[in-house]
Protein backbone atom coordinates (compact mmCIF):
# COMPACT_ATOMS: atom_id res chain seq x y z
CA MET A 1 -6.46 -22.78 -23.06
CA MET A 2 -3.64 -23.49 -20.59
CA SER A 3 -0.58 -21.44 -19.81
CA SER A 4 2.50 -22.11 -17.69
CA ASN A 5 5.86 -20.36 -17.69
CA SER A 6 8.13 -23.11 -16.39
CA SER A 7 8.14 -26.50 -14.77
CA ASN A 8 8.41 -25.05 -11.26
CA ARG A 9 5.40 -22.78 -11.68
CA PRO A 10 1.76 -23.78 -11.41
CA VAL A 11 -0.48 -24.07 -14.42
CA TRP A 12 -2.60 -21.00 -15.12
CA ASN A 13 -5.89 -21.41 -16.94
CA GLN A 14 -6.65 -18.74 -19.52
CA PRO A 15 -10.27 -17.66 -19.06
CA GLU A 16 -12.48 -18.12 -22.11
CA SER A 17 -15.59 -16.28 -23.25
CA THR A 18 -17.84 -16.06 -26.30
CA TYR A 19 -18.30 -12.36 -25.56
CA PRO A 20 -16.40 -10.02 -27.95
CA GLN A 21 -13.04 -9.10 -26.41
CA THR A 22 -11.30 -5.73 -26.33
CA GLY A 23 -7.75 -6.85 -27.11
CA LEU A 24 -6.50 -5.81 -23.67
CA LYS A 25 -3.45 -7.62 -22.36
CA VAL A 26 -2.32 -7.33 -18.75
CA PHE A 27 0.83 -8.30 -16.90
CA ASN A 28 -0.35 -11.09 -14.65
CA SER A 29 1.70 -11.85 -11.54
CA LEU A 30 0.44 -15.44 -11.73
CA THR A 31 2.24 -16.00 -15.04
CA LYS A 32 4.91 -13.26 -14.83
CA SER A 33 3.89 -12.29 -18.36
CA LYS A 34 1.35 -10.32 -20.38
CA VAL A 35 -1.74 -12.35 -21.13
CA PRO A 36 -5.09 -11.62 -22.82
CA PHE A 37 -7.62 -10.18 -20.41
CA VAL A 38 -10.89 -12.08 -20.57
CA PRO A 39 -13.58 -11.39 -17.94
CA ARG A 40 -15.56 -14.38 -16.73
CA GLU A 41 -18.97 -12.83 -17.31
CA GLY A 42 -19.20 -10.89 -20.53
CA ASN A 43 -18.24 -7.27 -20.03
CA ASN A 44 -18.49 -7.44 -16.23
CA VAL A 45 -15.24 -7.32 -14.25
CA SER A 46 -14.99 -8.27 -10.57
CA TRP A 47 -12.13 -6.43 -8.86
CA TYR A 48 -10.80 -6.75 -5.31
CA GLY A 49 -8.15 -4.45 -3.90
CA CYS A 50 -6.31 -4.78 -0.61
CA GLY A 51 -7.13 -1.71 1.44
CA PRO A 52 -5.14 -0.13 4.26
CA THR A 53 -4.42 -1.42 7.73
CA VAL A 54 -5.68 1.63 9.59
CA TYR A 55 -3.31 2.39 12.45
CA ASP A 56 -1.36 5.42 11.22
CA ALA A 57 -1.24 8.08 8.51
CA ALA A 58 -1.10 6.92 4.89
CA HIS A 59 2.18 7.69 3.12
CA MET A 60 3.34 8.07 -0.47
CA GLY A 61 4.01 4.34 -0.72
CA HIS A 62 0.27 3.85 -0.22
CA ALA A 63 -0.45 6.64 -2.70
CA CYS A 64 1.67 4.83 -5.29
CA SER A 65 -0.51 1.73 -5.06
CA TYR A 66 -3.91 3.41 -4.77
CA VAL A 67 -3.34 6.09 -7.43
CA THR A 68 -1.76 3.53 -9.77
CA PHE A 69 -4.74 1.21 -9.56
CA ASP A 70 -7.14 4.14 -9.73
CA ILE A 71 -5.57 5.00 -13.09
CA ILE A 72 -5.93 1.39 -14.26
CA ARG A 73 -9.51 1.21 -13.03
CA ARG A 74 -10.38 4.43 -14.86
CA ILE A 75 -8.83 3.12 -18.08
CA MET A 76 -10.89 -0.06 -17.78
CA GLU A 77 -14.10 1.79 -16.89
CA ASP A 78 -13.92 5.02 -18.85
CA TYR A 79 -11.74 4.19 -21.83
CA ILE A 80 -12.26 0.50 -22.56
CA GLY A 81 -15.78 0.43 -21.16
CA TYR A 82 -15.87 -2.51 -18.76
CA ASP A 83 -18.64 -2.71 -16.18
CA MET A 84 -16.64 -2.86 -12.97
CA SER A 85 -17.56 -4.18 -9.53
CA VAL A 86 -14.85 -2.81 -7.25
CA VAL A 87 -14.45 -4.03 -3.67
CA MET A 88 -11.87 -2.82 -1.17
CA ASN A 89 -11.34 -3.79 2.44
CA ILE A 90 -10.37 -1.93 5.57
CA THR A 91 -8.20 -3.98 7.92
CA ASP A 92 -9.39 -2.76 11.30
CA VAL A 93 -8.51 -5.97 13.19
CA ASP A 94 -4.79 -6.72 13.05
CA ASP A 95 -1.70 -6.98 15.25
CA LYS A 96 -0.55 -3.50 14.15
CA VAL A 97 -3.91 -1.92 15.01
CA ILE A 98 -4.05 -3.68 18.38
CA LEU A 99 -0.50 -2.77 19.34
CA ARG A 100 -0.74 0.85 18.25
CA ALA A 101 -4.12 1.36 19.95
CA ARG A 102 -2.89 -0.13 23.21
CA GLN A 103 0.35 1.83 23.19
CA LYS A 104 -1.34 5.14 22.38
CA TYR A 105 -3.91 4.53 25.12
CA LEU A 106 -1.33 3.54 27.73
CA LEU A 107 0.97 6.48 26.90
CA LYS A 108 -1.95 8.90 27.24
CA GLN A 109 -2.93 7.33 30.57
CA TYR A 110 0.65 7.63 31.75
CA GLN A 111 0.94 11.27 30.67
CA ASP A 112 -2.34 12.13 32.39
CA ASP A 113 -1.32 10.53 35.68
CA ALA A 114 -0.79 13.53 37.96
CA SER A 115 0.59 11.33 40.74
CA LEU A 116 3.82 10.65 38.84
CA SER A 117 6.77 12.71 40.05
CA PRO A 118 9.44 13.98 37.63
CA GLU A 119 11.90 11.62 39.30
CA GLN A 120 9.64 8.62 38.60
CA VAL A 121 9.06 9.65 34.98
CA VAL A 122 12.79 10.00 34.40
CA GLY A 123 13.35 6.64 36.09
CA ASP A 124 10.70 4.94 33.95
CA VAL A 125 12.01 6.42 30.69
CA THR A 126 15.54 5.38 31.70
CA ALA A 127 14.41 1.80 32.30
CA ALA A 128 12.53 1.82 28.99
CA PHE A 129 15.56 3.25 27.17
CA ASN A 130 17.95 0.64 28.52
CA GLU A 131 15.56 -2.17 27.69
CA TYR A 132 15.03 -0.82 24.16
CA VAL A 133 18.74 -0.45 23.41
CA ASN A 134 19.75 -3.81 24.82
CA LYS A 135 16.98 -5.53 22.86
CA HIS A 136 17.44 -3.94 19.43
CA PHE A 137 21.24 -3.70 19.46
CA LYS A 138 21.93 -6.82 21.52
CA ASP A 139 24.67 -8.35 19.37
CA PHE A 140 26.50 -5.06 18.86
CA VAL A 141 26.22 -3.99 22.49
CA GLU A 142 27.81 -7.27 23.58
CA SER A 143 30.51 -7.32 20.90
CA ARG A 144 31.47 -3.64 20.90
CA ILE A 145 31.39 -2.67 24.58
CA GLY A 146 31.18 -6.09 26.25
CA LYS A 147 28.33 -5.23 28.60
CA LYS A 148 24.69 -4.20 28.62
CA VAL A 149 23.84 -0.50 28.45
CA ALA A 150 22.90 0.54 31.98
CA THR A 151 24.14 4.14 32.28
CA SER A 152 24.52 7.27 30.18
CA GLU A 153 28.23 6.58 29.90
CA ASP A 154 27.51 3.08 28.58
CA TRP A 155 25.33 4.56 25.83
CA LYS A 156 27.93 7.15 24.91
CA GLU A 157 30.56 4.42 24.74
CA PHE A 158 28.28 2.39 22.46
CA VAL A 159 27.56 5.40 20.23
CA ALA A 160 31.28 5.93 19.76
CA ALA A 161 31.76 2.23 19.05
CA VAL A 162 29.24 2.33 16.19
CA ASP A 163 30.51 5.66 14.84
CA GLN A 164 27.40 7.65 15.80
CA GLY A 165 25.24 5.03 14.11
CA LYS A 166 27.18 5.19 10.81
CA ASP A 167 29.24 2.03 11.24
CA ALA A 168 28.71 0.02 8.03
CA ALA A 169 28.25 -3.34 9.72
CA PHE A 170 25.88 -1.81 12.26
CA VAL A 171 23.72 -0.14 9.59
CA ALA A 172 23.64 -3.30 7.46
CA SER A 173 22.73 -5.60 10.34
CA ASP A 174 18.99 -5.05 9.92
CA GLU A 175 16.90 -2.76 7.77
CA LYS A 176 15.28 -1.37 10.92
CA THR A 177 18.57 -0.61 12.70
CA PRO A 178 18.77 3.06 11.57
CA MET A 179 15.18 3.60 12.69
CA HIS A 180 15.84 2.09 16.12
CA TYR A 181 19.06 4.08 16.48
CA ASN A 182 17.30 7.36 15.67
CA ALA A 183 14.54 6.57 18.17
CA ALA A 184 17.10 5.78 20.88
CA SER A 185 19.15 8.91 20.14
CA THR A 186 16.09 11.17 20.29
CA ALA A 187 15.01 9.63 23.58
CA PHE A 188 18.51 9.86 25.06
CA TRP A 189 18.93 13.58 24.46
CA ALA A 190 15.48 14.36 25.83
CA LEU A 191 16.28 12.17 28.81
CA SER A 192 19.60 13.97 29.36
CA VAL A 193 17.89 17.35 29.55
CA ALA A 194 15.20 16.03 31.90
CA ARG A 195 17.78 14.40 34.20
CA LEU A 196 19.68 17.67 34.49
CA HIS A 197 16.58 19.64 35.39
CA VAL A 198 15.46 17.03 37.91
CA SER A 199 18.87 17.06 39.57
CA GLU A 200 18.71 20.85 39.78
CA GLY A 201 15.13 20.78 41.12
CA LYS A 202 13.90 22.73 38.09
CA ALA A 203 11.80 20.08 36.35
CA ARG A 204 8.34 21.26 35.26
CA PRO A 205 5.31 19.12 34.31
CA ASP A 206 5.42 20.36 30.72
CA GLU A 207 9.03 19.16 30.48
CA MET A 208 7.94 15.69 31.51
CA LEU A 209 5.35 15.77 28.71
CA THR A 210 8.09 16.78 26.28
CA LEU A 211 10.23 13.92 27.54
CA THR A 212 7.55 11.26 27.17
CA ASN A 213 6.59 12.54 23.70
CA SER A 214 10.23 12.56 22.57
CA ALA A 215 10.74 9.08 24.00
CA GLU A 216 7.42 7.68 22.74
CA ASP A 217 8.99 5.00 20.54
CA VAL A 218 11.03 3.80 23.52
CA LEU A 219 8.50 4.29 26.33
CA SER A 220 5.34 2.97 24.64
CA PRO A 221 6.58 -0.61 24.13
CA TRP A 222 7.80 -0.63 27.74
CA LEU A 223 4.42 0.48 29.03
CA ASP A 224 2.68 -2.05 26.80
CA ARG A 225 4.77 -4.94 28.11
CA GLN A 226 3.79 -4.00 31.63
CA HIS A 227 0.16 -3.04 31.20
CA GLY A 228 -0.99 -4.14 27.74
CA ALA A 229 -2.84 -7.14 29.12
CA GLU A 230 -4.98 -4.80 31.25
CA VAL A 231 -6.54 -3.07 28.21
CA THR A 232 -9.97 -4.68 27.84
CA ASP A 233 -12.21 -1.98 26.34
CA GLN A 234 -12.65 -2.92 22.67
CA ARG A 235 -13.68 0.64 21.84
CA ILE A 236 -9.99 1.56 22.18
CA PHE A 237 -9.20 -0.55 19.12
CA ARG A 238 -12.28 0.51 17.16
CA ASP A 239 -11.72 4.22 17.81
CA LEU A 240 -8.13 4.16 16.57
CA ALA A 241 -9.11 2.27 13.40
CA ALA A 242 -12.07 4.59 12.73
CA PHE A 243 -9.88 7.69 13.14
CA TRP A 244 -7.27 6.50 10.63
CA GLU A 245 -9.88 5.15 8.21
CA LYS A 246 -11.41 8.62 8.01
CA ASP A 247 -7.96 10.13 7.57
CA PHE A 248 -7.15 7.65 4.80
CA PHE A 249 -10.21 8.54 2.77
CA GLU A 250 -9.51 12.24 3.18
CA ASP A 251 -6.14 11.54 1.55
CA MET A 252 -7.71 9.46 -1.22
CA ASP A 253 -10.24 12.19 -1.96
CA ALA A 254 -7.45 14.76 -2.11
CA LEU A 255 -5.64 12.51 -4.62
CA ASN A 256 -8.88 12.12 -6.63
CA VAL A 257 -8.96 8.36 -6.12
CA ARG A 258 -12.39 6.90 -6.79
CA ARG A 259 -14.14 5.20 -3.91
CA PRO A 260 -14.83 1.46 -4.24
CA HIS A 261 -18.35 0.33 -5.02
CA VAL A 262 -18.28 -1.83 -1.88
CA LEU A 263 -16.19 -1.16 1.23
CA THR A 264 -15.73 -3.99 3.72
CA ARG A 265 -14.29 -4.00 7.24
CA VAL A 266 -12.86 -7.03 8.98
CA SER A 267 -14.80 -6.30 12.17
CA GLU A 268 -18.07 -6.61 10.21
CA PHE A 269 -17.23 -10.05 8.75
CA VAL A 270 -16.05 -12.05 11.77
CA ASP A 271 -18.97 -14.50 11.69
CA ASP A 272 -18.33 -15.10 7.98
CA ILE A 273 -14.64 -15.64 8.72
CA VAL A 274 -15.47 -18.27 11.35
CA ARG A 275 -17.65 -20.18 8.86
CA PHE A 276 -15.00 -19.90 6.15
CA VAL A 277 -12.31 -21.28 8.46
CA GLN A 278 -14.54 -24.16 9.56
CA ARG A 279 -15.01 -25.15 5.91
CA ILE A 280 -11.23 -25.26 5.41
CA ILE A 281 -10.93 -27.51 8.47
CA ASP A 282 -13.70 -29.74 7.13
CA ASN A 283 -11.90 -30.01 3.81
CA GLY A 284 -8.78 -31.26 5.59
CA TYR A 285 -6.53 -28.25 5.11
CA ALA A 286 -6.43 -26.72 8.59
CA TYR A 287 -6.12 -27.80 12.23
CA GLU A 288 -6.78 -26.35 15.68
CA VAL A 289 -4.12 -26.00 18.39
CA ASP A 290 -4.89 -24.48 21.81
CA GLY A 291 -7.70 -22.27 20.51
CA SER A 292 -5.90 -21.13 17.35
CA VAL A 293 -6.45 -22.52 13.86
CA TYR A 294 -3.61 -22.96 11.37
CA PHE A 295 -3.61 -23.59 7.67
CA ASP A 296 -1.85 -26.86 6.91
CA VAL A 297 0.44 -26.02 3.99
CA GLY A 298 1.76 -29.58 3.83
CA ALA A 299 -1.74 -31.01 3.48
CA PHE A 300 -2.61 -28.52 0.73
CA ASP A 301 0.52 -28.27 -1.41
CA GLY A 302 0.40 -30.97 -4.09
CA LYS A 303 -2.92 -32.46 -3.00
CA ASN A 304 -5.74 -32.45 -5.56
CA ASP A 305 -3.45 -30.50 -7.90
CA HIS A 306 -3.19 -27.61 -5.45
CA PHE A 307 -0.06 -25.45 -5.44
CA TYR A 308 1.24 -23.30 -2.59
CA ALA A 309 2.98 -19.97 -3.27
CA LYS A 310 1.78 -19.51 -6.84
CA LEU A 311 2.97 -15.92 -6.91
CA GLU A 312 6.36 -16.32 -5.28
CA PRO A 313 7.33 -20.02 -5.23
CA ASN A 314 10.94 -19.14 -4.47
CA SER A 315 9.83 -17.57 -1.18
CA LYS A 316 8.51 -20.83 0.26
CA GLY A 317 10.03 -21.33 3.69
CA ASN A 318 11.38 -17.77 3.97
CA SER A 319 11.28 -17.52 7.76
CA ARG A 320 11.54 -13.71 7.91
CA LEU A 321 8.66 -13.13 5.50
CA LEU A 322 6.57 -15.83 7.16
CA ALA A 323 7.12 -14.27 10.59
CA ASP A 324 6.24 -10.80 9.29
CA GLY A 325 3.04 -12.23 7.84
CA GLU A 326 1.99 -13.65 11.19
CA GLY A 327 2.21 -10.30 12.99
CA SER A 328 4.23 -8.83 15.83
CA LEU A 329 1.85 -10.09 18.53
CA THR A 330 2.00 -13.68 17.33
CA LYS A 331 4.90 -15.63 18.76
CA GLU A 332 6.00 -18.79 16.98
CA GLU A 333 3.79 -21.62 18.14
CA LEU A 334 5.72 -24.76 19.02
CA ASN A 335 2.65 -26.89 18.29
CA LYS A 336 2.42 -25.80 14.66
CA ARG A 337 3.07 -28.67 12.31
CA SER A 338 5.31 -26.61 10.06
CA LEU A 339 7.02 -23.24 9.96
CA SER A 340 5.06 -22.47 6.78
CA ASP A 341 1.67 -23.01 8.45
CA PHE A 342 -0.09 -19.75 9.19
CA ALA A 343 -2.87 -18.59 11.47
CA LEU A 344 -6.44 -18.50 10.18
CA TRP A 345 -7.82 -17.81 13.66
CA LYS A 346 -5.81 -16.56 16.64
CA MET A 347 -6.69 -17.26 20.23
CA SER A 348 -6.96 -13.85 21.85
CA LYS A 349 -4.50 -13.13 24.62
CA PRO A 350 -5.24 -10.62 27.41
CA GLY A 351 -5.31 -7.11 25.99
CA GLU A 352 -6.61 -8.16 22.56
CA PRO A 353 -10.08 -7.89 20.98
CA ARG A 354 -12.04 -11.12 20.92
CA TRP A 355 -15.01 -12.80 19.30
CA PRO A 356 -16.66 -16.18 20.01
CA SER A 357 -15.81 -19.17 17.83
CA PRO A 358 -15.99 -22.99 18.00
CA TRP A 359 -12.32 -22.92 19.08
CA GLY A 360 -12.75 -20.37 21.87
CA GLU A 361 -12.59 -16.60 21.97
CA GLY A 362 -10.22 -15.19 19.42
CA ARG A 363 -9.77 -13.01 16.36
CA PRO A 364 -9.12 -13.52 12.65
CA GLY A 365 -5.67 -14.01 11.21
CA TRP A 366 -4.56 -11.37 8.71
CA HIS A 367 -4.60 -13.38 5.49
CA ILE A 368 -8.03 -14.97 5.94
CA GLU A 369 -9.70 -11.57 6.18
CA CYS A 370 -9.26 -10.67 2.51
CA SER A 371 -10.25 -14.13 1.28
CA VAL A 372 -13.53 -13.99 3.14
CA MET A 373 -14.50 -10.41 2.35
CA ALA A 374 -13.66 -10.75 -1.34
CA SER A 375 -15.50 -14.06 -1.67
CA GLU A 376 -18.57 -12.93 0.25
CA ILE A 377 -19.08 -10.04 -2.16
CA LEU A 378 -17.64 -11.32 -5.46
CA GLY A 379 -18.04 -15.10 -5.23
CA ALA A 380 -15.85 -18.18 -5.57
CA GLN A 381 -13.76 -16.75 -8.40
CA ILE A 382 -12.56 -13.21 -9.05
CA ASP A 383 -11.37 -11.59 -12.24
CA VAL A 384 -8.84 -9.12 -10.80
CA HIS A 385 -7.03 -8.83 -7.49
CA VAL A 386 -4.69 -5.85 -6.99
CA GLY A 387 -2.21 -4.74 -4.33
CA GLY A 388 1.35 -3.69 -3.66
CA ILE A 389 4.19 -6.03 -4.59
CA ASP A 390 5.27 -6.22 -0.92
CA LEU A 391 2.04 -8.16 -0.25
CA ALA A 392 2.71 -10.89 -2.83
CA PHE A 393 4.28 -13.28 -0.30
CA PRO A 394 3.06 -14.41 2.06
CA HIS A 395 -0.18 -12.40 2.16
CA HIS A 396 -1.49 -12.87 -1.37
CA ASP A 397 -0.08 -16.37 -1.72
CA ASN A 398 -1.83 -17.31 1.51
CA GLU A 399 -5.05 -15.72 0.30
CA LEU A 400 -4.90 -17.87 -2.81
CA CYS A 401 -4.24 -21.17 -1.09
CA GLN A 402 -6.80 -20.76 1.70
CA SER A 403 -9.49 -19.65 -0.76
CA GLU A 404 -8.78 -22.54 -3.10
CA ALA A 405 -8.78 -24.86 -0.08
CA HIS A 406 -12.18 -23.52 0.93
CA PHE A 407 -13.78 -23.73 -2.51
CA GLU A 408 -11.73 -26.75 -3.68
CA ASN A 409 -10.95 -24.89 -6.90
CA HIS A 410 -7.63 -24.16 -8.59
CA GLN A 411 -7.86 -20.54 -9.64
CA TRP A 412 -9.56 -18.26 -7.14
CA VAL A 413 -8.12 -15.22 -8.93
CA ASN A 414 -7.63 -15.05 -12.69
CA TYR A 415 -5.47 -11.92 -12.86
CA PHE A 416 -3.22 -10.72 -10.05
CA MET A 417 -1.72 -7.26 -10.54
CA HIS A 418 0.96 -5.83 -8.26
CA ALA A 419 2.13 -2.22 -8.20
CA GLY A 420 5.88 -1.68 -7.88
CA HIS A 421 7.62 -0.31 -4.80
CA LEU A 422 7.94 3.42 -4.27
CA ASN A 423 11.54 4.19 -3.35
CA ILE A 424 12.88 7.19 -1.48
CA GLU A 425 16.62 7.77 -1.16
CA GLY A 426 17.21 4.36 -2.69
CA LEU A 427 15.09 2.49 -0.13
CA LYS A 428 11.56 1.14 -0.26
CA MET A 429 9.22 3.62 1.41
CA SER A 430 7.88 1.81 4.46
CA LYS A 431 5.91 2.73 7.54
CA SER A 432 7.61 0.00 9.55
CA LEU A 433 11.00 1.56 8.73
CA LYS A 434 9.73 5.10 9.42
CA ASN A 435 11.16 5.91 6.02
CA PHE A 436 8.16 7.68 4.58
CA ILE A 437 6.52 10.94 3.56
CA THR A 438 2.86 11.15 4.45
CA ILE A 439 0.38 11.95 1.71
CA LYS A 440 -0.55 15.17 3.47
CA GLU A 441 3.12 16.22 3.59
CA ALA A 442 3.48 15.50 -0.12
CA LEU A 443 0.32 17.46 -0.95
CA ASN A 444 1.69 20.45 0.94
CA LYS A 445 4.54 20.51 -1.59
CA TYR A 446 2.99 19.14 -4.78
CA SER A 447 -0.47 19.22 -6.33
CA SER A 448 -2.57 16.10 -6.74
CA ARG A 449 -2.24 16.39 -10.52
CA GLN A 450 1.55 16.62 -10.31
CA ILE A 451 1.68 13.49 -8.16
CA ARG A 452 -0.65 11.64 -10.53
CA THR A 453 1.48 12.73 -13.48
CA LEU A 454 4.51 11.15 -11.80
CA PHE A 455 2.69 7.82 -11.65
CA LEU A 456 1.47 8.15 -15.25
CA LEU A 457 5.07 8.55 -16.40
CA SER A 458 6.08 5.28 -14.72
CA GLN A 459 5.29 1.69 -15.62
CA TRP A 460 2.73 0.62 -13.04
CA ASN A 461 4.38 -2.69 -12.11
CA LYS A 462 7.95 -1.37 -11.88
CA PRO A 463 9.74 0.38 -9.00
CA LEU A 464 9.22 4.14 -8.89
CA PHE A 465 11.64 6.69 -7.43
CA PHE A 466 10.04 9.55 -5.55
CA ASP A 467 12.58 12.35 -5.45
CA ALA A 468 13.10 15.93 -6.55
CA LYS A 469 14.37 14.93 -10.00
CA SER A 470 11.42 12.70 -10.86
CA MET A 471 8.93 15.24 -9.51
CA GLU A 472 10.61 18.00 -11.53
CA GLU A 473 9.85 16.11 -14.74
CA ALA A 474 6.25 15.51 -13.65
CA ILE A 475 5.80 19.19 -12.78
CA VAL A 476 7.12 20.32 -16.18
CA ILE A 477 4.78 17.97 -18.05
CA GLU A 478 1.75 18.82 -15.92
CA LYS A 479 2.45 22.53 -16.43
CA SER A 480 2.76 22.10 -20.20
CA LEU A 481 -0.64 20.43 -20.30
CA SER A 482 -2.21 23.11 -18.09
CA ASN A 483 -0.75 25.83 -20.31
CA PHE A 484 -2.02 24.04 -23.41
CA PHE A 485 -5.58 23.99 -22.10
CA ALA A 486 -5.36 27.58 -20.85
CA ASN A 487 -3.98 28.88 -24.15
CA THR A 488 -6.58 27.12 -26.28
CA THR A 489 -9.55 27.98 -24.07
CA ALA A 490 -9.72 31.64 -25.14
CA LEU A 491 -9.20 30.79 -28.80
CA LEU A 492 -11.93 28.19 -28.75
CA ARG A 493 -14.33 30.47 -26.88
CA GLU A 494 -13.94 33.02 -29.65
CA PHE A 495 -14.28 30.29 -32.26
CA ARG A 496 -17.59 29.11 -30.82
CA LEU A 497 -18.98 32.65 -30.98
CA ARG A 498 -18.27 33.00 -34.68
CA GLN A 499 -18.12 29.43 -35.93
CA SER A 500 -21.24 29.91 -38.10
CA GLU A 501 -19.54 32.70 -40.06
CA SER A 502 -17.56 31.97 -43.25
CA ASP A 503 -14.84 33.98 -44.94
CA ALA A 504 -15.25 31.96 -48.15
CA ARG A 505 -11.69 30.61 -47.88
CA ARG A 506 -10.50 27.03 -47.61
CA HIS A 507 -8.81 26.46 -44.26
CA THR A 508 -7.96 22.75 -44.42
CA LEU A 509 -4.59 22.94 -46.17
CA ALA A 510 -1.34 21.03 -45.75
CA PRO A 511 -0.62 22.19 -42.16
CA GLU A 512 -4.13 21.21 -41.11
CA LEU A 513 -3.87 17.84 -42.84
CA ASP A 514 -0.54 17.26 -41.11
CA LEU A 515 -2.09 18.04 -37.72
CA LEU A 516 -5.02 15.73 -38.39
CA GLU A 517 -2.60 12.96 -39.36
CA ALA A 518 -0.60 13.61 -36.17
CA LEU A 519 -3.82 13.34 -34.14
CA LYS A 520 -4.67 10.07 -35.86
CA ASP A 521 -1.21 8.72 -34.99
CA ALA A 522 -1.56 9.89 -31.38
CA LYS A 523 -4.91 8.15 -31.03
CA SER A 524 -3.47 4.95 -32.43
CA GLN A 525 -0.42 5.09 -30.15
CA VAL A 526 -2.49 5.84 -27.05
CA HIS A 527 -4.97 3.07 -27.84
CA SER A 528 -2.24 0.49 -28.46
CA ALA A 529 -0.37 1.56 -25.32
CA LEU A 530 -3.39 1.36 -23.02
CA LEU A 531 -4.33 -2.08 -24.35
CA ASP A 532 -0.71 -3.17 -23.82
CA SER A 533 -1.01 -3.67 -20.06
CA PHE A 534 -1.88 -0.02 -19.35
CA ASP A 535 1.36 1.42 -20.74
CA THR A 536 0.73 4.97 -19.59
CA PRO A 537 4.34 6.19 -20.14
CA THR A 538 3.98 5.51 -23.88
CA ALA A 539 0.50 7.01 -23.90
CA MET A 540 1.77 10.14 -22.16
CA ARG A 541 4.57 10.52 -24.70
CA ALA A 542 1.99 10.39 -27.49
CA ILE A 543 -0.11 13.03 -25.70
CA GLN A 544 2.94 15.25 -25.23
CA GLU A 545 3.79 14.91 -28.93
CA ILE A 546 0.32 15.91 -30.18
CA VAL A 547 0.27 18.84 -27.73
CA SER A 548 3.68 19.96 -29.02
CA ARG A 549 2.54 19.63 -32.64
CA THR A 550 -0.59 21.64 -31.90
CA ASN A 551 1.38 24.37 -30.10
CA THR A 552 3.62 24.66 -33.16
CA TYR A 553 0.57 24.89 -35.40
CA LEU A 554 -0.93 27.66 -33.23
CA GLN A 555 2.18 29.78 -33.81
CA ARG A 556 0.89 30.43 -37.34
CA GLY A 557 -1.47 33.00 -35.83
CA ARG A 558 -5.22 32.92 -35.42
CA ASP A 559 -5.87 34.11 -38.98
CA ASN A 560 -3.94 31.17 -40.37
CA ILE A 561 -5.26 28.27 -38.28
CA ASP A 562 -8.37 26.12 -38.37
CA LEU A 563 -9.80 26.24 -34.87
CA GLN A 564 -12.22 23.42 -35.64
CA ILE A 565 -9.25 21.09 -35.92
CA VAL A 566 -7.65 22.60 -32.82
CA GLN A 567 -10.88 21.95 -30.93
CA THR A 568 -10.81 18.33 -32.10
CA VAL A 569 -7.29 17.92 -30.70
CA VAL A 570 -8.16 19.65 -27.43
CA GLU A 571 -11.26 17.52 -26.95
CA TYR A 572 -9.25 14.33 -27.47
CA VAL A 573 -6.39 15.31 -25.15
CA SER A 574 -8.91 16.47 -22.56
CA ARG A 575 -10.78 13.19 -22.79
CA ILE A 576 -7.65 11.10 -22.25
CA MET A 577 -6.49 13.22 -19.32
CA ARG A 578 -9.97 12.90 -17.76
CA VAL A 579 -9.67 9.14 -18.18
CA PHE A 580 -6.34 9.28 -16.35
CA GLY A 581 -8.02 11.19 -13.52
């Protein structure tokens, strides 16, 4: 069976099987539609999920993706009954990890250097501040004040010119502009205090520590540009990644997210990555330039019925997304054949981790990592690949093309599922924008069950708004379920003690028959909803309705209710909520 949505989209092949199917349909990002879910091997489902890049604390945007797919996994495992093989990676080799590890290390070295005088620290932070401002606000500095920022008065003039950072054109110039402005403002005020105390001869060492901590976002890149190439101890990179990996799993455990069956780390698969890349070269879809290897999009797209950017064909050639996908440490290579070509293997520069390869010492590109780890564990074709929608292009599209180039097949993944963005104050929650709430911060305010309820009330592949209003609804529903279980527990305990006794009266009358019919309807609605691409909002409404009907029934008083039927309802609701996690 073949499926294709339009002439400008690639053909998708519907998997076929003689094994009895469940009736599950899933929204597949490869078709932009709901399609029948058919595993390749009977009841066995291979599942690969993009794990975290471990360089900082996980935030609620991550929770949205991992809890969402935990719910879907549990439905597939515990409700439908698939035998799942779940693999997730840890990206511990990446530009973000390298940069953060170097900067943290260099800042700590700087702060521990007892030979630095307060005057030198203030001078260094001033130089870093000016460089930061003139880089990130270059166009506005030149157009609004006509000169580079070199003094405190220059900065104050610039602040006035952009209306304390609220100027509409200034804010809209780049999504990161507010973040950079806040970082500069924080550094400036700390610097102002330190300058005053230095001029008065009152500066203390602890004040210099306060200054460098307050100016970290400004000072760290400055230190890295000067000394990053001198960082050669690879343990610096491993230690940072290991710290945040441990922290990530603490968060996942607190959110009751199941661990994968297999956990892979990039650093453990470098030899496999080298072999995988060599095969792509041998197949004619990649080339080496000055120790780096690039995927040749032009050689792949359209050749042997291959298709580039299956997930987001309209994003082909998007220079901003392509640059983001290459990483902040990777400058545009002039020797690349095309802007769309991307790194499979990066020649390591000074200050970067390195491994041997036929092309010289280097490190894996970001996209190739997932292709190799998934394929090494799950094989040349995978049933399900999941991740956040922000990864669709170029990351997931590049995964698809390089894997299909390696295996010379046309459908490395059968079903791609993407969780929607989590928005806060109308913006996508993002670590790179510093517009985020960490998972630990959220758990200090809300319970894990309340957070999970929020995700259950939202369609998994649609944007979700994380705010007080949406959490208020989740809290009310979670509380109603908790109260339902608490109120019925005592009644059912008593019922179990005397359930063998009979009062010689019929208890299954019209109210009981109505409740049984309501339970039957709830089961049917939940079942249909979960098979309809994991429609948990509809399933939750059905659960709320049967709980409400049961609460109304209980108001008849214990002498006028059939607790056997109540127990049947409670057991069903409890089972579904256990499935949901």
